[in-house]
Amino acid sequence: MSIIKDTPEEIYLVIEGVEPGDTFKDCHDVTWEAEQINDNDVKYIRADKLAAQEAQATIAKQATRIAALEADAARYRFLKAQNWHIENFSSLTKADVQWSVSFYSSYGAALNQEDEDRAIDDAMKGGA
């Protein structure tokens, strides 16, 4: 918390009169601005804002991962249900058997996990 109520969330150190290879100790005319002035200005972000940005990025990554896990769980339940139908042929209609055979044929021909997932997703849409 700042004692100044309008503290900028980010500032730029405006460094002039430096040469390539100079260190910060070599800088004598350093000021700061709320906007970037030169290409070599150094951006600083207030720690509380940076922490909030990092938290949002973490939440977004977790949401993506959760969505992928939920899709995997749906695929698992779908395949488990299809396996149950195949093991219990007496409850299948002719259309169910034809659909299952075509599904497993295309599923088995998938080249990688992404193709397998796409084949299962397509089958889930067509068979639901």
N, C-alpha and C. Protein backbone atom coordinates (compact mmCIF):
# COMPACT_ATOMS: atom_id res chain seq x y z
N MET A 1 0.85 -1.17 0.00
CA MET A 1 0.00 0.00 0.00
C MET A 1 0.90 1.23 0.00
N SER A 2 0.60 2.13 -0.85
CA SER A 2 1.41 3.35 -0.99
C SER A 2 0.76 4.50 -0.23
N ILE A 3 1.61 5.38 0.29
CA ILE A 3 1.07 6.57 0.96
C ILE A 3 0.62 7.61 -0.06
N ILE A 4 1.04 7.42 -1.31
CA ILE A 4 0.61 8.30 -2.41
C ILE A 4 -0.55 7.60 -3.10
N LYS A 5 -1.68 8.29 -3.22
CA LYS A 5 -2.87 7.61 -3.73
C LYS A 5 -2.87 7.37 -5.23
N ASP A 6 -2.03 8.04 -5.99
CA ASP A 6 -2.02 7.82 -7.43
C ASP A 6 -0.67 7.28 -7.92
N THR A 7 -0.08 6.38 -7.15
CA THR A 7 1.20 5.77 -7.52
C THR A 7 1.02 5.00 -8.84
N PRO A 8 1.88 5.26 -9.83
CA PRO A 8 1.75 4.54 -11.09
C PRO A 8 1.97 3.04 -10.90
N GLU A 9 1.25 2.24 -11.67
CA GLU A 9 1.43 0.79 -11.60
C GLU A 9 2.72 0.36 -12.27
N GLU A 10 3.20 1.16 -13.21
CA GLU A 10 4.46 0.87 -13.85
C GLU A 10 5.15 2.17 -14.23
N ILE A 11 6.47 2.14 -14.23
CA ILE A 11 7.25 3.31 -14.62
C ILE A 11 8.39 2.84 -15.51
N TYR A 12 9.01 3.78 -16.19
CA TYR A 12 10.17 3.50 -17.02
C TYR A 12 11.34 4.33 -16.52
N LEU A 13 12.47 3.67 -16.28
CA LEU A 13 13.69 4.40 -15.99
C LEU A 13 14.22 4.90 -17.33
N VAL A 14 14.37 6.20 -17.44
CA VAL A 14 14.86 6.80 -18.66
C VAL A 14 16.37 6.98 -18.48
N ILE A 15 17.10 6.19 -19.22
CA ILE A 15 18.57 6.17 -19.09
C ILE A 15 19.16 6.76 -20.36
N GLU A 16 19.88 7.84 -20.21
CA GLU A 16 20.50 8.49 -21.37
C GLU A 16 22.00 8.59 -21.17
N GLY A 17 22.74 8.70 -22.27
CA GLY A 17 24.17 8.88 -22.21
C GLY A 17 24.95 7.63 -21.85
N VAL A 18 24.43 6.46 -22.20
CA VAL A 18 25.14 5.22 -21.91
C VAL A 18 25.61 4.60 -23.22
N GLU A 19 26.61 3.77 -23.10
CA GLU A 19 27.17 3.05 -24.24
C GLU A 19 26.93 1.55 -24.03
N PRO A 20 26.91 0.77 -25.13
CA PRO A 20 26.77 -0.68 -24.96
C PRO A 20 27.85 -1.21 -24.03
N GLY A 21 27.46 -2.05 -23.09
CA GLY A 21 28.39 -2.62 -22.14
C GLY A 21 28.47 -1.86 -20.82
N ASP A 22 27.90 -0.64 -20.77
CA ASP A 22 27.90 0.12 -19.51
C ASP A 22 27.05 -0.62 -18.48
N THR A 23 27.34 -0.39 -17.22
CA THR A 23 26.54 -0.95 -16.13
C THR A 23 25.69 0.17 -15.54
N PHE A 24 24.77 -0.22 -14.66
CA PHE A 24 23.89 0.78 -14.05
C PHE A 24 24.70 1.81 -13.27
N LYS A 25 25.82 1.39 -12.71
CA LYS A 25 26.68 2.32 -11.97
C LYS A 25 27.25 3.41 -12.87
N ASP A 26 27.35 3.12 -14.19
CA ASP A 26 27.88 4.10 -15.13
C ASP A 26 26.85 5.18 -15.47
N CYS A 27 25.60 4.98 -15.09
CA CYS A 27 24.53 5.92 -15.44
C CYS A 27 24.52 7.09 -14.45
N HIS A 28 24.47 8.28 -15.00
CA HIS A 28 24.45 9.47 -14.14
C HIS A 28 23.16 10.27 -14.30
N ASP A 29 22.57 10.22 -15.48
CA ASP A 29 21.35 10.98 -15.73
C ASP A 29 20.18 10.02 -15.89
N VAL A 30 19.69 9.53 -14.78
CA VAL A 30 18.57 8.59 -14.79
C VAL A 30 17.36 9.27 -14.16
N THR A 31 16.26 9.26 -14.90
CA THR A 31 14.99 9.79 -14.39
C THR A 31 13.94 8.71 -14.63
N TRP A 32 12.73 8.98 -14.22
CA TRP A 32 11.67 8.04 -14.52
C TRP A 32 10.49 8.79 -15.12
N GLU A 33 9.73 8.05 -15.92
CA GLU A 33 8.53 8.57 -16.58
C GLU A 33 7.45 7.50 -16.52
N ALA A 34 6.22 7.92 -16.60
CA ALA A 34 5.09 6.98 -16.63
C ALA A 34 4.98 6.30 -18.00
N GLU A 35 5.52 6.92 -19.05
CA GLU A 35 5.48 6.36 -20.41
C GLU A 35 6.91 6.12 -20.88
N GLN A 36 7.07 5.17 -21.79
CA GLN A 36 8.38 4.89 -22.36
C GLN A 36 8.78 6.02 -23.29
N ILE A 37 10.00 6.53 -23.15
CA ILE A 37 10.50 7.62 -23.99
C ILE A 37 11.46 7.08 -25.06
N ASN A 38 12.43 6.26 -24.65
CA ASN A 38 13.46 5.72 -25.55
C ASN A 38 13.35 4.20 -25.61
N ASP A 39 13.94 3.62 -26.66
CA ASP A 39 13.92 2.17 -26.81
C ASP A 39 14.63 1.45 -25.67
N ASN A 40 15.64 2.09 -25.07
CA ASN A 40 16.41 1.42 -24.02
C ASN A 40 15.91 1.75 -22.61
N ASP A 41 14.76 2.40 -22.48
CA ASP A 41 14.20 2.65 -21.16
C ASP A 41 13.87 1.31 -20.48
N VAL A 42 14.03 1.27 -19.18
CA VAL A 42 13.82 0.04 -18.42
C VAL A 42 12.47 0.11 -17.71
N LYS A 43 11.62 -0.86 -18.00
CA LYS A 43 10.27 -0.89 -17.42
C LYS A 43 10.29 -1.55 -16.05
N TYR A 44 9.64 -0.92 -15.08
CA TYR A 44 9.45 -1.49 -13.75
C TYR A 44 7.96 -1.57 -13.48
N ILE A 45 7.55 -2.70 -12.94
CA ILE A 45 6.14 -2.91 -12.59
C ILE A 45 6.06 -3.01 -11.08
N ARG A 46 5.07 -2.30 -10.51
CA ARG A 46 4.88 -2.35 -9.07
C ARG A 46 4.66 -3.79 -8.62
N ALA A 47 5.26 -4.19 -7.52
CA ALA A 47 5.25 -5.58 -7.06
C ALA A 47 3.83 -6.12 -6.89
N ASP A 48 2.91 -5.33 -6.36
CA ASP A 48 1.56 -5.83 -6.15
C ASP A 48 0.85 -6.06 -7.48
N LYS A 49 1.12 -5.23 -8.49
CA LYS A 49 0.51 -5.44 -9.81
C LYS A 49 1.11 -6.68 -10.46
N LEU A 50 2.41 -6.85 -10.35
CA LEU A 50 3.08 -8.01 -10.94
C LEU A 50 2.55 -9.30 -10.32
N ALA A 51 2.38 -9.31 -9.01
CA ALA A 51 1.84 -10.49 -8.33
C ALA A 51 0.44 -10.81 -8.83
N ALA A 52 -0.38 -9.79 -9.04
CA ALA A 52 -1.74 -10.01 -9.55
C ALA A 52 -1.69 -10.56 -10.98
N GLN A 53 -0.79 -10.04 -11.82
CA GLN A 53 -0.65 -10.55 -13.19
C GLN A 53 -0.21 -12.01 -13.19
N GLU A 54 0.73 -12.34 -12.33
CA GLU A 54 1.20 -13.73 -12.24
C GLU A 54 0.09 -14.65 -11.75
N ALA A 55 -0.71 -14.18 -10.80
CA ALA A 55 -1.83 -14.98 -10.30
C ALA A 55 -2.85 -15.23 -11.41
N GLN A 56 -3.14 -14.20 -12.21
CA GLN A 56 -4.09 -14.35 -13.32
C GLN A 56 -3.56 -15.34 -14.35
N ALA A 57 -2.26 -15.27 -14.63
CA ALA A 57 -1.65 -16.21 -15.59
C ALA A 57 -1.74 -17.64 -15.06
N THR A 58 -1.51 -17.82 -13.77
CA THR A 58 -1.59 -19.15 -13.17
C THR A 58 -3.02 -19.68 -13.23
N ILE A 59 -3.99 -18.82 -12.93
CA ILE A 59 -5.40 -19.22 -12.99
C ILE A 59 -5.78 -19.63 -14.41
N ALA A 60 -5.32 -18.86 -15.40
CA ALA A 60 -5.63 -19.19 -16.80
C ALA A 60 -5.03 -20.54 -17.19
N LYS A 61 -3.78 -20.81 -16.78
CA LYS A 61 -3.15 -22.09 -17.07
C LYS A 61 -3.90 -23.23 -16.40
N GLN A 62 -4.32 -23.02 -15.15
CA GLN A 62 -5.05 -24.06 -14.43
C GLN A 62 -6.41 -24.31 -15.07
N ALA A 63 -7.08 -23.26 -15.53
CA ALA A 63 -8.38 -23.42 -16.18
C ALA A 63 -8.23 -24.23 -17.47
N THR A 64 -7.16 -23.96 -18.22
CA THR A 64 -6.90 -24.71 -19.44
C THR A 64 -6.65 -26.18 -19.12
N ARG A 65 -5.88 -26.43 -18.10
CA ARG A 65 -5.57 -27.80 -17.70
C ARG A 65 -6.83 -28.52 -17.21
N ILE A 66 -7.65 -27.84 -16.44
CA ILE A 66 -8.89 -28.43 -15.94
C ILE A 66 -9.81 -28.79 -17.11
N ALA A 67 -9.91 -27.89 -18.10
CA ALA A 67 -10.74 -28.18 -19.27
C ALA A 67 -10.23 -29.41 -20.02
N ALA A 68 -8.91 -29.53 -20.14
CA ALA A 68 -8.34 -30.70 -20.81
C ALA A 68 -8.62 -31.98 -20.02
N LEU A 69 -8.51 -31.90 -18.70
CA LEU A 69 -8.81 -33.08 -17.87
C LEU A 69 -10.29 -33.45 -17.95
N GLU A 70 -11.16 -32.45 -17.98
CA GLU A 70 -12.59 -32.74 -18.11
C GLU A 70 -12.90 -33.39 -19.45
N ALA A 71 -12.23 -32.93 -20.52
CA ALA A 71 -12.42 -33.55 -21.84
C ALA A 71 -11.92 -34.98 -21.82
N ASP A 72 -10.77 -35.23 -21.19
CA ASP A 72 -10.25 -36.59 -21.08
C ASP A 72 -11.22 -37.48 -20.29
N ALA A 73 -11.79 -36.94 -19.23
CA ALA A 73 -12.74 -37.71 -18.43
C ALA A 73 -13.98 -38.05 -19.25
N ALA A 74 -14.45 -37.08 -20.04
CA ALA A 74 -15.63 -37.34 -20.89
C ALA A 74 -15.31 -38.43 -21.92
N ARG A 75 -14.10 -38.35 -22.51
CA ARG A 75 -13.69 -39.38 -23.47
C ARG A 75 -13.63 -40.75 -22.79
N TYR A 76 -13.07 -40.79 -21.59
CA TYR A 76 -12.98 -42.05 -20.85
C TYR A 76 -14.38 -42.63 -20.61
N ARG A 77 -15.30 -41.79 -20.12
CA ARG A 77 -16.67 -42.27 -19.85
C ARG A 77 -17.33 -42.76 -21.14
N PHE A 78 -17.11 -42.03 -22.22
CA PHE A 78 -17.69 -42.42 -23.51
C PHE A 78 -17.15 -43.77 -23.96
N LEU A 79 -15.82 -43.91 -23.91
CA LEU A 79 -15.22 -45.18 -24.35
C LEU A 79 -15.62 -46.32 -23.43
N LYS A 80 -15.73 -46.05 -22.15
CA LYS A 80 -16.15 -47.09 -21.20
C LYS A 80 -17.57 -47.54 -21.55
N ALA A 81 -18.44 -46.59 -21.85
CA ALA A 81 -19.81 -46.93 -22.22
C ALA A 81 -19.84 -47.72 -23.52
N GLN A 82 -19.00 -47.35 -24.50
CA GLN A 82 -18.95 -48.09 -25.76
C GLN A 82 -18.45 -49.51 -25.54
N ASN A 83 -17.46 -49.66 -24.69
CA ASN A 83 -16.95 -50.98 -24.38
C ASN A 83 -18.04 -51.83 -23.73
N TRP A 84 -18.83 -51.23 -22.84
CA TRP A 84 -19.93 -51.95 -22.20
C TRP A 84 -20.91 -52.43 -23.26
N HIS A 85 -21.23 -51.57 -24.23
CA HIS A 85 -22.16 -51.97 -25.29
C HIS A 85 -21.61 -53.12 -26.12
N ILE A 86 -20.34 -53.11 -26.40
CA ILE A 86 -19.75 -54.18 -27.20
C ILE A 86 -19.75 -55.49 -26.42
N GLU A 87 -19.50 -55.42 -25.12
CA GLU A 87 -19.51 -56.64 -24.31
C GLU A 87 -20.93 -57.19 -24.14
N ASN A 88 -21.93 -56.37 -24.34
CA ASN A 88 -23.32 -56.79 -24.17
C ASN A 88 -24.05 -56.68 -25.50
N PHE A 89 -23.63 -57.47 -26.47
CA PHE A 89 -24.19 -57.39 -27.82
C PHE A 89 -25.70 -57.56 -27.86
N SER A 90 -26.25 -58.29 -26.92
CA SER A 90 -27.68 -58.53 -26.97
C SER A 90 -28.49 -57.25 -26.84
N SER A 91 -27.89 -56.20 -26.24
CA SER A 91 -28.65 -54.96 -26.07
C SER A 91 -28.45 -53.99 -27.23
N LEU A 92 -27.60 -54.36 -28.21
CA LEU A 92 -27.31 -53.45 -29.31
C LEU A 92 -28.26 -53.66 -30.48
N THR A 93 -28.57 -52.58 -31.13
CA THR A 93 -29.31 -52.68 -32.39
C THR A 93 -28.30 -52.83 -33.52
N LYS A 94 -28.77 -53.12 -34.71
CA LYS A 94 -27.88 -53.24 -35.86
C LYS A 94 -27.14 -51.92 -36.11
N ALA A 95 -27.83 -50.81 -35.96
CA ALA A 95 -27.20 -49.49 -36.16
C ALA A 95 -26.11 -49.24 -35.13
N ASP A 96 -26.34 -49.67 -33.88
CA ASP A 96 -25.32 -49.51 -32.84
C ASP A 96 -24.05 -50.28 -33.20
N VAL A 97 -24.25 -51.51 -33.67
CA VAL A 97 -23.10 -52.34 -34.03
C VAL A 97 -22.35 -51.72 -35.20
N GLN A 98 -23.08 -51.26 -36.22
CA GLN A 98 -22.42 -50.63 -37.37
C GLN A 98 -21.66 -49.38 -36.93
N TRP A 99 -22.29 -48.58 -36.10
CA TRP A 99 -21.61 -47.36 -35.62
C TRP A 99 -20.37 -47.73 -34.82
N SER A 100 -20.46 -48.72 -33.92
CA SER A 100 -19.32 -49.12 -33.10
C SER A 100 -18.18 -49.64 -33.96
N VAL A 101 -18.50 -50.43 -34.98
CA VAL A 101 -17.45 -50.97 -35.86
C VAL A 101 -16.77 -49.84 -36.60
N SER A 102 -17.55 -48.90 -37.14
CA SER A 102 -16.93 -47.79 -37.87
C SER A 102 -16.13 -46.90 -36.93
N PHE A 103 -16.62 -46.72 -35.71
CA PHE A 103 -15.88 -45.92 -34.73
C PHE A 103 -14.55 -46.56 -34.40
N TYR A 104 -14.57 -47.84 -34.06
CA TYR A 104 -13.33 -48.51 -33.68
C TYR A 104 -12.37 -48.62 -34.86
N SER A 105 -12.89 -48.72 -36.07
CA SER A 105 -12.01 -48.74 -37.24
C SER A 105 -11.29 -47.41 -37.38
N SER A 106 -12.03 -46.31 -37.27
CA SER A 106 -11.39 -45.00 -37.40
C SER A 106 -10.53 -44.70 -36.18
N TYR A 107 -10.97 -45.15 -35.02
CA TYR A 107 -10.19 -44.93 -33.80
C TYR A 107 -8.86 -45.66 -33.88
N GLY A 108 -8.88 -46.87 -34.34
CA GLY A 108 -7.65 -47.65 -34.43
C GLY A 108 -6.69 -47.12 -35.48
N ALA A 109 -7.22 -46.39 -36.47
CA ALA A 109 -6.37 -45.86 -37.54
C ALA A 109 -5.75 -44.51 -37.16
N ALA A 110 -6.11 -43.99 -36.02
CA ALA A 110 -5.57 -42.68 -35.60
C ALA A 110 -4.06 -42.76 -35.45
N LEU A 111 -3.35 -41.70 -35.87
CA LEU A 111 -1.89 -41.71 -35.88
C LEU A 111 -1.27 -41.27 -34.57
N ASN A 112 -1.91 -40.40 -33.83
CA ASN A 112 -1.33 -39.93 -32.57
C ASN A 112 -2.45 -39.59 -31.59
N GLN A 113 -2.06 -39.17 -30.38
CA GLN A 113 -3.05 -38.92 -29.33
C GLN A 113 -4.04 -37.83 -29.74
N GLU A 114 -3.55 -36.78 -30.40
CA GLU A 114 -4.45 -35.70 -30.81
C GLU A 114 -5.47 -36.21 -31.82
N ASP A 115 -5.02 -37.02 -32.78
CA ASP A 115 -5.96 -37.61 -33.74
C ASP A 115 -6.95 -38.54 -33.05
N GLU A 116 -6.46 -39.32 -32.08
CA GLU A 116 -7.35 -40.22 -31.33
C GLU A 116 -8.40 -39.41 -30.58
N ASP A 117 -7.96 -38.34 -29.91
CA ASP A 117 -8.90 -37.50 -29.18
C ASP A 117 -9.94 -36.90 -30.13
N ARG A 118 -9.49 -36.43 -31.28
CA ARG A 118 -10.42 -35.84 -32.25
C ARG A 118 -11.41 -36.88 -32.75
N ALA A 119 -10.94 -38.11 -33.00
CA ALA A 119 -11.82 -39.18 -33.47
C ALA A 119 -12.87 -39.51 -32.41
N ILE A 120 -12.43 -39.56 -31.15
CA ILE A 120 -13.37 -39.84 -30.06
C ILE A 120 -14.38 -38.70 -29.93
N ASP A 121 -13.88 -37.45 -29.99
CA ASP A 121 -14.78 -36.29 -29.89
C ASP A 121 -15.82 -36.31 -31.01
N ASP A 122 -15.37 -36.62 -32.24
CA ASP A 122 -16.30 -36.68 -33.36
C ASP A 122 -17.33 -37.79 -33.15
N ALA A 123 -16.86 -38.93 -32.66
CA ALA A 123 -17.78 -40.04 -32.40
C ALA A 123 -18.77 -39.70 -31.31
N MET A 124 -18.29 -38.98 -30.29
CA MET A 124 -19.18 -38.58 -29.19
C MET A 124 -20.29 -37.67 -29.72
N LYS A 125 -19.96 -36.78 -30.62
CA LYS A 125 -20.96 -35.87 -31.19
C LYS A 125 -21.96 -36.63 -32.05
N GLY A 126 -21.46 -37.57 -32.85
CA GLY A 126 -22.32 -38.32 -33.75
C GLY A 126 -23.11 -39.39 -33.05
N GLY A 127 -22.57 -39.91 -31.96
CA GLY A 127 -23.22 -41.03 -31.27
C GLY A 127 -24.04 -40.62 -30.08
N ALA A 128 -23.99 -39.33 -29.73
CA ALA A 128 -24.71 -38.88 -28.52
C ALA A 128 -26.17 -38.76 -28.75
